[in-house]
C-alpha atoms as a PDB file:
ATOM      1  CA  UNK A   1       3.753 -14.333  -1.396  1.00  0.00           C
ATOM      2  CA  UNK A   2       2.522 -17.090  -3.958  1.00  0.00           C
ATOM      3  CA  UNK A   3       5.297 -19.472  -3.471  1.00  0.00           C
ATOM      4  CA  UNK A   4       8.280 -19.589  -1.023  1.00  0.00           C
ATOM      5  CA  UNK A   5       9.404 -23.178  -2.117  1.00  0.00           C
ATOM      6  CA  UNK A   6      12.803 -23.770  -3.608  1.00  0.00           C
ATOM      7  CA  UNK A   7      13.285 -24.567  -7.184  1.00  0.00           C
ATOM      8  CA  UNK A   8      14.966 -27.918  -7.954  1.00  0.00           C
ATOM      9  CA  UNK A   9      18.528 -27.603  -8.972  1.00  0.00           C
ATOM     10  CA  UNK A  10      18.868 -28.422 -13.088  1.00  0.00           C
ATOM     11  CA  UNK A  11      21.945 -29.999 -14.487  1.00  0.00           C
ATOM     12  CA  UNK A  12      23.447 -26.616 -15.483  1.00  0.00           C
ATOM     13  CA  UNK A  13      23.233 -25.486 -11.599  1.00  0.00           C
ATOM     14  CA  UNK A  14      20.531 -23.825  -9.166  1.00  0.00           C
ATOM     15  CA  UNK A  15      17.879 -22.240 -11.084  1.00  0.00           C
ATOM     16  CA  UNK A  16      15.029 -20.092  -9.494  1.00  0.00           C
ATOM     17  CA  UNK A  17      12.923 -17.358 -10.596  1.00  0.00           C
ATOM     18  CA  UNK A  18      12.066 -15.034  -7.597  1.00  0.00           C
ATOM     19  CA  UNK A  19       9.411 -12.878  -9.830  1.00  0.00           C
ATOM     20  CA  UNK A  20       7.272 -15.858 -10.893  1.00  0.00           C
ATOM     21  CA  UNK A  21       5.346 -15.314  -7.745  1.00  0.00           C
ATOM     22  CA  UNK A  22       3.964 -11.912  -9.158  1.00  0.00           C
ATOM     23  CA  UNK A  23       2.492 -13.281 -12.312  1.00  0.00           C
ATOM     24  CA  UNK A  24      -1.208 -12.796 -12.506  1.00  0.00           C
ATOM     25  CA  UNK A  25      -3.146 -15.909 -13.618  1.00  0.00           C
ATOM     26  CA  UNK A  26      -6.477 -16.580 -14.472  1.00  0.00           C
ATOM     27  CA  UNK A  27      -8.205 -18.493 -11.521  1.00  0.00           C
ATOM     28  CA  UNK A  28     -10.189 -20.904 -13.619  1.00  0.00           C
ATOM     29  CA  UNK A  29      -8.257 -22.396 -16.606  1.00  0.00           C
ATOM     30  CA  UNK A  30      -5.280 -21.434 -18.577  1.00  0.00           C
ATOM     31  CA  UNK A  31      -6.510 -18.884 -21.158  1.00  0.00           C
ATOM     32  CA  UNK A  32      -5.476 -15.316 -21.576  1.00  0.00           C
ATOM     33  CA  UNK A  33      -6.143 -12.688 -18.829  1.00  0.00           C
ATOM     34  CA  UNK A  34      -8.770 -10.402 -20.091  1.00  0.00           C
ATOM     35  CA  UNK A  35     -10.549  -7.566 -18.671  1.00  0.00           C
ATOM     36  CA  UNK A  36     -13.257  -9.280 -16.885  1.00  0.00           C
ATOM     37  CA  UNK A  37     -10.971 -12.525 -16.257  1.00  0.00           C
ATOM     38  CA  UNK A  38     -11.024 -13.498 -12.551  1.00  0.00           C
ATOM     39  CA  UNK A  39      -7.445 -14.297 -11.451  1.00  0.00           C
ATOM     40  CA  UNK A  40      -5.339 -14.863  -8.504  1.00  0.00           C
ATOM     41  CA  UNK A  41      -5.178 -11.053  -7.895  1.00  0.00           C
ATOM     42  CA  UNK A  42      -8.910 -10.655  -7.978  1.00  0.00           C
ATOM     43  CA  UNK A  43      -9.273 -13.575  -5.496  1.00  0.00           C
ATOM     44  CA  UNK A  44      -6.662 -12.143  -2.789  1.00  0.00           C
ATOM     45  CA  UNK A  45      -8.243  -8.390  -3.218  1.00  0.00           C
ATOM     46  CA  UNK A  46     -11.629 -10.034  -2.451  1.00  0.00           C
ATOM     47  CA  UNK A  47     -10.428 -12.033   0.608  1.00  0.00           C
ATOM     48  CA  UNK A  48      -8.718  -8.575   1.807  1.00  0.00           C
ATOM     49  CA  UNK A  49     -12.006  -6.974   1.669  1.00  0.00           C
ATOM     50  CA  UNK A  50     -14.097  -9.997   3.286  1.00  0.00           C
ATOM     51  CA  UNK A  51     -11.258  -9.879   6.020  1.00  0.00           C
ATOM     52  CA  UNK A  52     -12.095  -6.203   6.665  1.00  0.00           C
ATOM     53  CA  UNK A  53     -15.746  -6.950   6.866  1.00  0.00           C
ATOM     54  CA  UNK A  54     -15.215  -9.912   9.171  1.00  0.00           C
ATOM     55  CA  UNK A  55     -13.163  -7.397  11.684  1.00  0.00           C
ATOM     56  CA  UNK A  56     -15.086  -4.282  11.392  1.00  0.00           C
ATOM     57  CA  UNK A  57     -18.651  -5.434  11.038  1.00  0.00           C
ATOM     58  CA  UNK A  58     -19.049  -8.758  12.076  1.00  0.00           C
ATOM     59  CA  UNK A  59     -16.568  -8.672  14.614  1.00  0.00           C
ATOM     60  CA  UNK A  60     -17.592  -5.526  16.106  1.00  0.00           C
ATOM     61  CA  UNK A  61     -21.463  -5.619  15.692  1.00  0.00           C
ATOM     62  CA  UNK A  62     -21.864  -6.257  19.486  1.00  0.00           C
ATOM     63  CA  UNK A  63     -20.318  -3.355  20.730  1.00  0.00           C
ATOM     64  CA  UNK A  64     -19.371  -4.704  24.072  1.00  0.00           C
ATOM     65  CA  UNK A  65     -18.526  -2.328  27.061  1.00  0.00           C
ATOM     66  CA  UNK A  66     -15.907  -4.958  27.616  1.00  0.00           C
ATOM     67  CA  UNK A  67     -14.610  -5.667  23.662  1.00  0.00           C
ATOM     68  CA  UNK A  68     -13.694  -8.852  22.490  1.00  0.00           C
ATOM     69  CA  UNK A  69     -10.216  -9.358  20.868  1.00  0.00           C
ATOM     70  CA  UNK A  70     -11.803  -8.621  17.366  1.00  0.00           C
ATOM     71  CA  UNK A  71     -13.530  -5.449  18.638  1.00  0.00           C
ATOM     72  CA  UNK A  72     -10.305  -4.272  20.513  1.00  0.00           C
ATOM     73  CA  UNK A  73      -8.244  -4.644  17.146  1.00  0.00           C
ATOM     74  CA  UNK A  74     -10.883  -2.596  15.270  1.00  0.00           C
ATOM     75  CA  UNK A  75     -11.217   0.058  17.674  1.00  0.00           C
ATOM     76  CA  UNK A  76      -7.558   0.271  17.795  1.00  0.00           C
ATOM     77  CA  UNK A  77      -7.014   0.376  14.071  1.00  0.00           C
ATOM     78  CA  UNK A  78     -10.115   3.200  13.872  1.00  0.00           C
ATOM     79  CA  UNK A  79      -8.515   5.427  16.853  1.00  0.00           C
ATOM     80  CA  UNK A  80      -4.916   5.493  15.300  1.00  0.00           C
ATOM     81  CA  UNK A  81      -6.171   6.495  11.943  1.00  0.00           C
ATOM     82  CA  UNK A  82      -8.626   9.056  13.116  1.00  0.00           C
ATOM     83  CA  UNK A  83      -5.922  10.739  15.172  1.00  0.00           C
ATOM     84  CA  UNK A  84      -3.541  10.634  12.213  1.00  0.00           C
ATOM     85  CA  UNK A  85      -6.074  12.441  10.212  1.00  0.00           C
ATOM     86  CA  UNK A  86      -7.116  14.713  12.745  1.00  0.00           C
ATOM     87  CA  UNK A  87      -3.586  15.827  13.708  1.00  0.00           C
ATOM     88  CA  UNK A  88      -2.307  16.138   9.885  1.00  0.00           C
ATOM     89  CA  UNK A  89      -5.133  17.756   8.584  1.00  0.00           C
ATOM     90  CA  UNK A  90      -7.232  19.265  11.477  1.00  0.00           C
ATOM     91  CA  UNK A  91     -10.764  19.275  12.243  1.00  0.00           C
ATOM     92  CA  UNK A  92     -11.565  20.115   8.340  1.00  0.00           C
ATOM     93  CA  UNK A  93     -10.017  16.745   7.380  1.00  0.00           C
ATOM     94  CA  UNK A  94     -11.969  14.562   9.696  1.00  0.00           C
ATOM     95  CA  UNK A  95     -15.087  14.418   7.260  1.00  0.00           C
ATOM     96  CA  UNK A  96     -12.944  12.933   4.948  1.00  0.00           C
ATOM     97  CA  UNK A  97     -11.894   9.963   7.518  1.00  0.00           C
ATOM     98  CA  UNK A  98     -13.992   7.234   5.959  1.00  0.00           C
ATOM     99  CA  UNK A  99     -11.878   7.629   2.721  1.00  0.00           C
ATOM    100  CA  UNK A 100      -8.391   7.530   4.255  1.00  0.00           C
ATOM    101  CA  UNK A 101      -9.626   4.686   6.542  1.00  0.00           C
ATOM    102  CA  UNK A 102     -10.811   2.497   3.668  1.00  0.00           C
ATOM    103  CA  UNK A 103      -7.365   2.986   1.847  1.00  0.00           C
ATOM    104  CA  UNK A 104      -5.333   2.336   5.166  1.00  0.00           C
ATOM    105  CA  UNK A 105      -7.527  -0.996   6.305  1.00  0.00           C
ATOM    106  CA  UNK A 106      -7.184  -2.114   2.495  1.00  0.00           C
ATOM    107  CA  UNK A 107      -3.552  -1.693   2.023  1.00  0.00           C
ATOM    108  CA  UNK A 108      -2.765  -2.990   5.772  1.00  0.00           C
ATOM    109  CA  UNK A 109      -4.942  -6.434   5.210  1.00  0.00           C
ATOM    110  CA  UNK A 110      -3.563  -6.922   1.579  1.00  0.00           C
ATOM    111  CA  UNK A 111      -0.075  -6.506   2.554  1.00  0.00           C
ATOM    112  CA  UNK A 112      -0.327  -9.130   5.629  1.00  0.00           C
ATOM    113  CA  UNK A 113      -2.458 -11.515   3.773  1.00  0.00           C
ATOM    114  CA  UNK A 114       0.412 -11.622   1.335  1.00  0.00           C
ATOM    115  CA  UNK A 115       2.478 -12.916   4.018  1.00  0.00           C
ATOM    116  CA  UNK A 116       0.706 -16.076   4.156  1.00  0.00           C
ATOM    117  CA  UNK A 117       2.366 -19.314   2.303  1.00  0.00           C
ATOM    118  CA  UNK A 118       0.607 -19.942  -1.256  1.00  0.00           C
ATOM    119  CA  UNK A 119      -0.870 -16.241  -1.140  1.00  0.00           C
ATOM    120  CA  UNK A 120      -0.366 -13.441  -3.521  1.00  0.00           C
ATOM    121  CA  UNK A 121       0.726  -9.930  -3.114  1.00  0.00           C
ATOM    122  CA  UNK A 122      -1.795  -7.727  -4.586  1.00  0.00           C
ATOM    123  CA  UNK A 123      -0.028  -4.431  -3.526  1.00  0.00           C
ATOM    124  CA  UNK A 124       3.136  -5.643  -5.237  1.00  0.00           C
ATOM    125  CA  UNK A 125       1.774  -4.681  -8.705  1.00  0.00           C
ATOM    126  CA  UNK A 126       1.704  -1.080 -10.075  1.00  0.00           C
ATOM    127  CA  UNK A 127      -1.811  -1.582 -11.445  1.00  0.00           C
ATOM    128  CA  UNK A 128      -3.105  -1.859  -7.921  1.00  0.00           C
ATOM    129  CA  UNK A 129      -1.304   0.913  -6.428  1.00  0.00           C
ATOM    130  CA  UNK A 130      -1.452   3.087  -9.304  1.00  0.00           C
ATOM    131  CA  UNK A 131      -5.156   3.044  -8.938  1.00  0.00           C
ATOM    132  CA  UNK A 132      -4.948   4.115  -5.100  1.00  0.00           C
ATOM    133  CA  UNK A 133      -2.171   6.647  -5.737  1.00  0.00           C
ATOM    134  CA  UNK A 134      -3.793   8.352  -8.740  1.00  0.00           C
ATOM    135  CA  UNK A 135      -7.136   8.013  -7.021  1.00  0.00           C
ATOM    136  CA  UNK A 136      -5.728  10.112  -4.121  1.00  0.00           C
ATOM    137  CA  UNK A 137      -4.290  12.548  -6.605  1.00  0.00           C
ATOM    138  CA  UNK A 138      -7.476  13.130  -8.466  1.00  0.00           C
ATOM    139  CA  UNK A 139      -9.664  13.413  -5.512  1.00  0.00           C
ATOM    140  CA  UNK A 140      -7.498  15.747  -3.632  1.00  0.00           C
ATOM    141  CA  UNK A 141      -7.030  18.065  -6.805  1.00  0.00           C
ATOM    142  CA  UNK A 142     -10.785  18.100  -7.331  1.00  0.00           C
ATOM    143  CA  UNK A 143     -11.291  19.041  -3.838  1.00  0.00           C
ATOM    144  CA  UNK A 144      -8.852  21.600  -3.564  1.00  0.00           C
ATOM    145  CA  UNK A 145     -10.442  23.412  -6.455  1.00  0.00           C
ATOM    146  CA  UNK A 146     -14.096  22.793  -5.357  1.00  0.00           C
ATOM    147  CA  UNK A 147     -12.935  24.429  -2.098  1.00  0.00           C
ATOM    148  CA  UNK A 148     -10.661  27.136  -2.758  1.00  0.00           C
ATOM    149  CA  UNK A 149     -11.423  27.888  -6.628  1.00  0.00           C
ATOM    150  CA  UNK A 150      -8.299  29.373  -8.821  1.00  0.00           C
ATOM    151  CA  UNK A 151      -6.603  30.540  -5.366  1.00  0.00           C
ATOM    152  CA  UNK A 152      -5.822  26.650  -5.166  1.00  0.00           C
ATOM    153  CA  UNK A 153      -3.134  27.418  -7.511  1.00  0.00           C
ATOM    154  CA  UNK A 154      -1.639  29.843  -5.044  1.00  0.00           C
ATOM    155  CA  UNK A 155       0.142  26.715  -3.257  1.00  0.00           C
ATOM    156  CA  UNK A 156       2.581  26.798  -6.112  1.00  0.00           C
ATOM    157  CA  UNK A 157       3.597  30.248  -5.864  1.00  0.00           C
ATOM    158  CA  UNK A 158       6.122  31.305  -2.840  1.00  0.00           C
ATOM    159  CA  UNK A 159       5.327  34.610  -1.786  1.00  0.00           C
ATOM    160  CA  UNK A 160       7.922  34.401   0.793  1.00  0.00           C
ATOM    161  CA  UNK A 161      10.649  33.773  -1.859  1.00  0.00           C
ATOM    162  CA  UNK A 162      12.617  36.162  -3.719  1.00  0.00           C
ATOM    163  CA  UNK A 163      10.698  37.767  -6.684  1.00  0.00           C
ATOM    164  CA  UNK A 164      13.421  36.425  -8.997  1.00  0.00           C
ATOM    165  CA  UNK A 165      13.035  32.902  -7.793  1.00  0.00           C
ATOM    166  CA  UNK A 166       9.168  32.577  -7.689  1.00  0.00           C
ATOM    167  CA  UNK A 167       8.884  31.199 -11.405  1.00  0.00           C
ATOM    168  CA  UNK A 168      11.499  28.713 -11.083  1.00  0.00           C
ATOM    169  CA  UNK A 169      10.156  27.446  -7.717  1.00  0.00           C
ATOM    170  CA  UNK A 170       6.650  27.720  -9.129  1.00  0.00           C
ATOM    171  CA  UNK A 171       7.698  25.216 -12.092  1.00  0.00           C
ATOM    172  CA  UNK A 172       9.527  22.888  -9.593  1.00  0.00           C
ATOM    173  CA  UNK A 173       6.333  22.809  -7.445  1.00  0.00           C
ATOM    174  CA  UNK A 174       4.200  21.866 -10.366  1.00  0.00           C
ATOM    175  CA  UNK A 175       6.599  19.008 -11.437  1.00  0.00           C
ATOM    176  CA  UNK A 176       6.611  18.039  -7.772  1.00  0.00           C
ATOM    177  CA  UNK A 177       2.925  17.838  -7.563  1.00  0.00           C
ATOM    178  CA  UNK A 178       2.519  15.806 -10.715  1.00  0.00           C
ATOM    179  CA  UNK A 179       5.072  13.451  -9.744  1.00  0.00           C
ATOM    180  CA  UNK A 180       2.963  12.754  -6.297  1.00  0.00           C
ATOM    181  CA  UNK A 181       0.859   9.842  -7.771  1.00  0.00           C
ATOM    182  CA  UNK A 182       3.816   7.943  -9.284  1.00  0.00           C
ATOM    183  CA  UNK A 183       5.902   8.177  -6.270  1.00  0.00           C
ATOM    184  CA  UNK A 184       2.730   7.255  -4.146  1.00  0.00           C
ATOM    185  CA  UNK A 185       1.947   4.239  -5.995  1.00  0.00           C
ATOM    186  CA  UNK A 186       5.739   3.033  -6.869  1.00  0.00           C
ATOM    187  CA  UNK A 187       6.861   3.284  -3.349  1.00  0.00           C
ATOM    188  CA  UNK A 188       3.936   1.152  -1.996  1.00  0.00           C
ATOM    189  CA  UNK A 189       4.369  -1.376  -4.852  1.00  0.00           C
ATOM    190  CA  UNK A 190       8.335  -1.664  -4.880  1.00  0.00           C
ATOM    191  CA  UNK A 191       8.725  -2.153  -1.145  1.00  0.00           C
ATOM    192  CA  UNK A 192       6.591  -5.047  -1.026  1.00  0.00           C
ATOM    193  CA  UNK A 193       7.696  -6.660  -4.256  1.00  0.00           C
ATOM    194  CA  UNK A 194      11.418  -6.292  -3.095  1.00  0.00           C
ATOM    195  CA  UNK A 195      10.982  -7.993   0.288  1.00  0.00           C
ATOM    196  CA  UNK A 196       8.913 -11.005  -1.245  1.00  0.00           C
ATOM    197  CA  UNK A 197      11.457 -11.583  -3.937  1.00  0.00           C
ATOM    198  CA  UNK A 198      14.433 -11.524  -1.551  1.00  0.00           C
ATOM    199  CA  UNK A 199      12.407 -13.980   0.586  1.00  0.00           C
ATOM    200  CA  UNK A 200      12.212 -16.303  -2.778  1.00  0.00           C
ATOM    201  CA  UNK A 201      15.929 -15.739  -3.420  1.00  0.00           C
ATOM    202  CA  UNK A 202      16.742 -17.120   0.132  1.00  0.00           C
ATOM    203  CA  UNK A 203      14.355 -20.093  -0.438  1.00  0.00           C
ATOM    204  CA  UNK A 204      16.269 -21.015  -3.493  1.00  0.00           C
ATOM    205  CA  UNK A 205      19.369 -21.194  -1.917  1.00  0.00           C
ATOM    206  CA  UNK A 206      17.827 -23.348   0.578  1.00  0.00           C
ATOM    207  CA  UNK A 207      18.327 -26.423  -2.049  1.00  0.00           C
ATOM    208  CA  UNK A 208      21.983 -26.191  -1.406  1.00  0.00           C
ATOM    209  CA  UNK A 209      22.566 -28.341   1.430  1.00  0.00           C
ATOM    210  CA  UNK A 210      25.768 -26.724   2.852  1.00  0.00           C
ATOM    211  CA  UNK A 211      24.222 -23.146   3.052  1.00  0.00           C
ATOM    212  CA  UNK A 212      20.548 -24.356   3.893  1.00  0.00           C
ATOM    213  CA  UNK A 213      20.572 -23.674   7.641  1.00  0.00           C
ATOM    214  CA  UNK A 214      21.970 -19.881   6.601  1.00  0.00           C
ATOM    215  CA  UNK A 215      19.041 -19.660   4.185  1.00  0.00           C
ATOM    216  CA  UNK A 216      16.654 -20.645   6.753  1.00  0.00           C
ATOM    217  CA  UNK A 217      18.074 -18.018   8.929  1.00  0.00           C
ATOM    218  CA  UNK A 218      17.943 -15.339   6.329  1.00  0.00           C
ATOM    219  CA  UNK A 219      14.107 -16.346   5.263  1.00  0.00           C
ATOM    220  CA  UNK A 220      13.318 -15.974   8.912  1.00  0.00           C
ATOM    221  CA  UNK A 221      14.697 -12.725   9.165  1.00  0.00           C
ATOM    222  CA  UNK A 222      13.301 -11.099   6.248  1.00  0.00           C
ATOM    223  CA  UNK A 223      10.078 -12.500   6.875  1.00  0.00           C
ATOM    224  CA  UNK A 224      10.067 -10.726  10.229  1.00  0.00           C
ATOM    225  CA  UNK A 225      11.270  -7.660   8.550  1.00  0.00           C
ATOM    226  CA  UNK A 226       8.557  -7.892   6.034  1.00  0.00           C
ATOM    227  CA  UNK A 227       5.695  -8.174   9.018  1.00  0.00           C
ATOM    228  CA  UNK A 228       7.097  -4.495   9.971  1.00  0.00           C
ATOM    229  CA  UNK A 229       7.168  -3.536   6.338  1.00  0.00           C
ATOM    230  CA  UNK A 230       3.485  -4.487   5.752  1.00  0.00           C
ATOM    231  CA  UNK A 231       2.259  -2.213   8.443  1.00  0.00           C
ATOM    232  CA  UNK A 232       4.861   0.671   7.760  1.00  0.00           C
ATOM    233  CA  UNK A 233       3.863   0.689   4.279  1.00  0.00           C
ATOM    234  CA  UNK A 234       0.224   1.237   4.915  1.00  0.00           C
ATOM    235  CA  UNK A 235       0.850   3.701   7.374  1.00  0.00           C
ATOM    236  CA  UNK A 236       3.221   5.767   4.910  1.00  0.00           C
ATOM    237  CA  UNK A 237       0.672   5.741   2.230  1.00  0.00           C
ATOM    238  CA  UNK A 238      -2.118   6.937   4.598  1.00  0.00           C
ATOM    239  CA  UNK A 239      -0.135   9.989   6.023  1.00  0.00           C
ATOM    240  CA  UNK A 240       1.025  10.961   2.905  1.00  0.00           C
ATOM    241  CA  UNK A 241      -2.886  10.907   1.815  1.00  0.00           C
ATOM    242  CA  UNK A 242      -3.273  13.192   4.897  1.00  0.00           C
ATOM    243  CA  UNK A 243      -0.424  15.567   3.872  1.00  0.00           C
ATOM    244  CA  UNK A 244      -2.009  15.739   0.292  1.00  0.00           C
ATOM    245  CA  UNK A 245      -5.407  16.371   1.735  1.00  0.00           C
ATOM    246  CA  UNK A 246      -4.351  19.219   3.987  1.00  0.00           C
ATOM    247  CA  UNK A 247      -2.768  20.897   0.889  1.00  0.00           C
ATOM    248  CA  UNK A 248      -6.256  20.825  -0.661  1.00  0.00           C
ATOM    249  CA  UNK A 249      -7.938  22.179   2.610  1.00  0.00           C
ATOM    250  CA  UNK A 250      -5.140  24.780   3.167  1.00  0.00           C
ATOM    251  CA  UNK A 251      -3.137  25.466  -0.049  1.00  0.00           C
ATOM    252  CA  UNK A 252      -1.779  28.507   1.821  1.00  0.00           C
ATOM    253  CA  UNK A 253      -0.522  26.977   4.794  1.00  0.00           C
END
């Protein structure tokens, strides 16, 4: 959420642009954004990575029997994700825990950092979430063929269904499978962007004196909701990754 400040009323009435906060800009200078340009998105992704390192490496390096607060937070997240992976994918999926833990922590930290004033919401951009979503898709698909060979395709063929319906169901399953990375990435970006845009809209109405108190209450309410959404979206992305991983490990389940 790059800016929640209200835009000043113009002569023609109140004007504000809730989507301006999602514009990717160069961090240095005003030139065009190129392939290697350091932008506000780059900065806040780097901050998210540094925050993760601070919590899990620096904050937990002592490994005290009586943990510090930072160590307790790190252990809680570790246990939460590990149990999720084990419950959804089984013992065979535990070996892929580091990858899933990395996804969860990056999305979680990026979502919460975006709630700071004057920050930037990296996970509101489909360019970021698509990399995460398609990364999961390709990793799971490749793993499925490596572990199961051609039998991995059996997940699209429903033997329990009537013979006449199997080809139709197979086509539907194939389409559904290839839509996974799209829905996986759009769900995260869309929910994060919507919440931040609504906050900016309420902030814009704060410039109108008569409804300013209502606008402030609305901002507080939506912000509180976004605190929940930030964690829920990280959880949803992660558990869907576990479900897709289970398909690769056990395509005939």
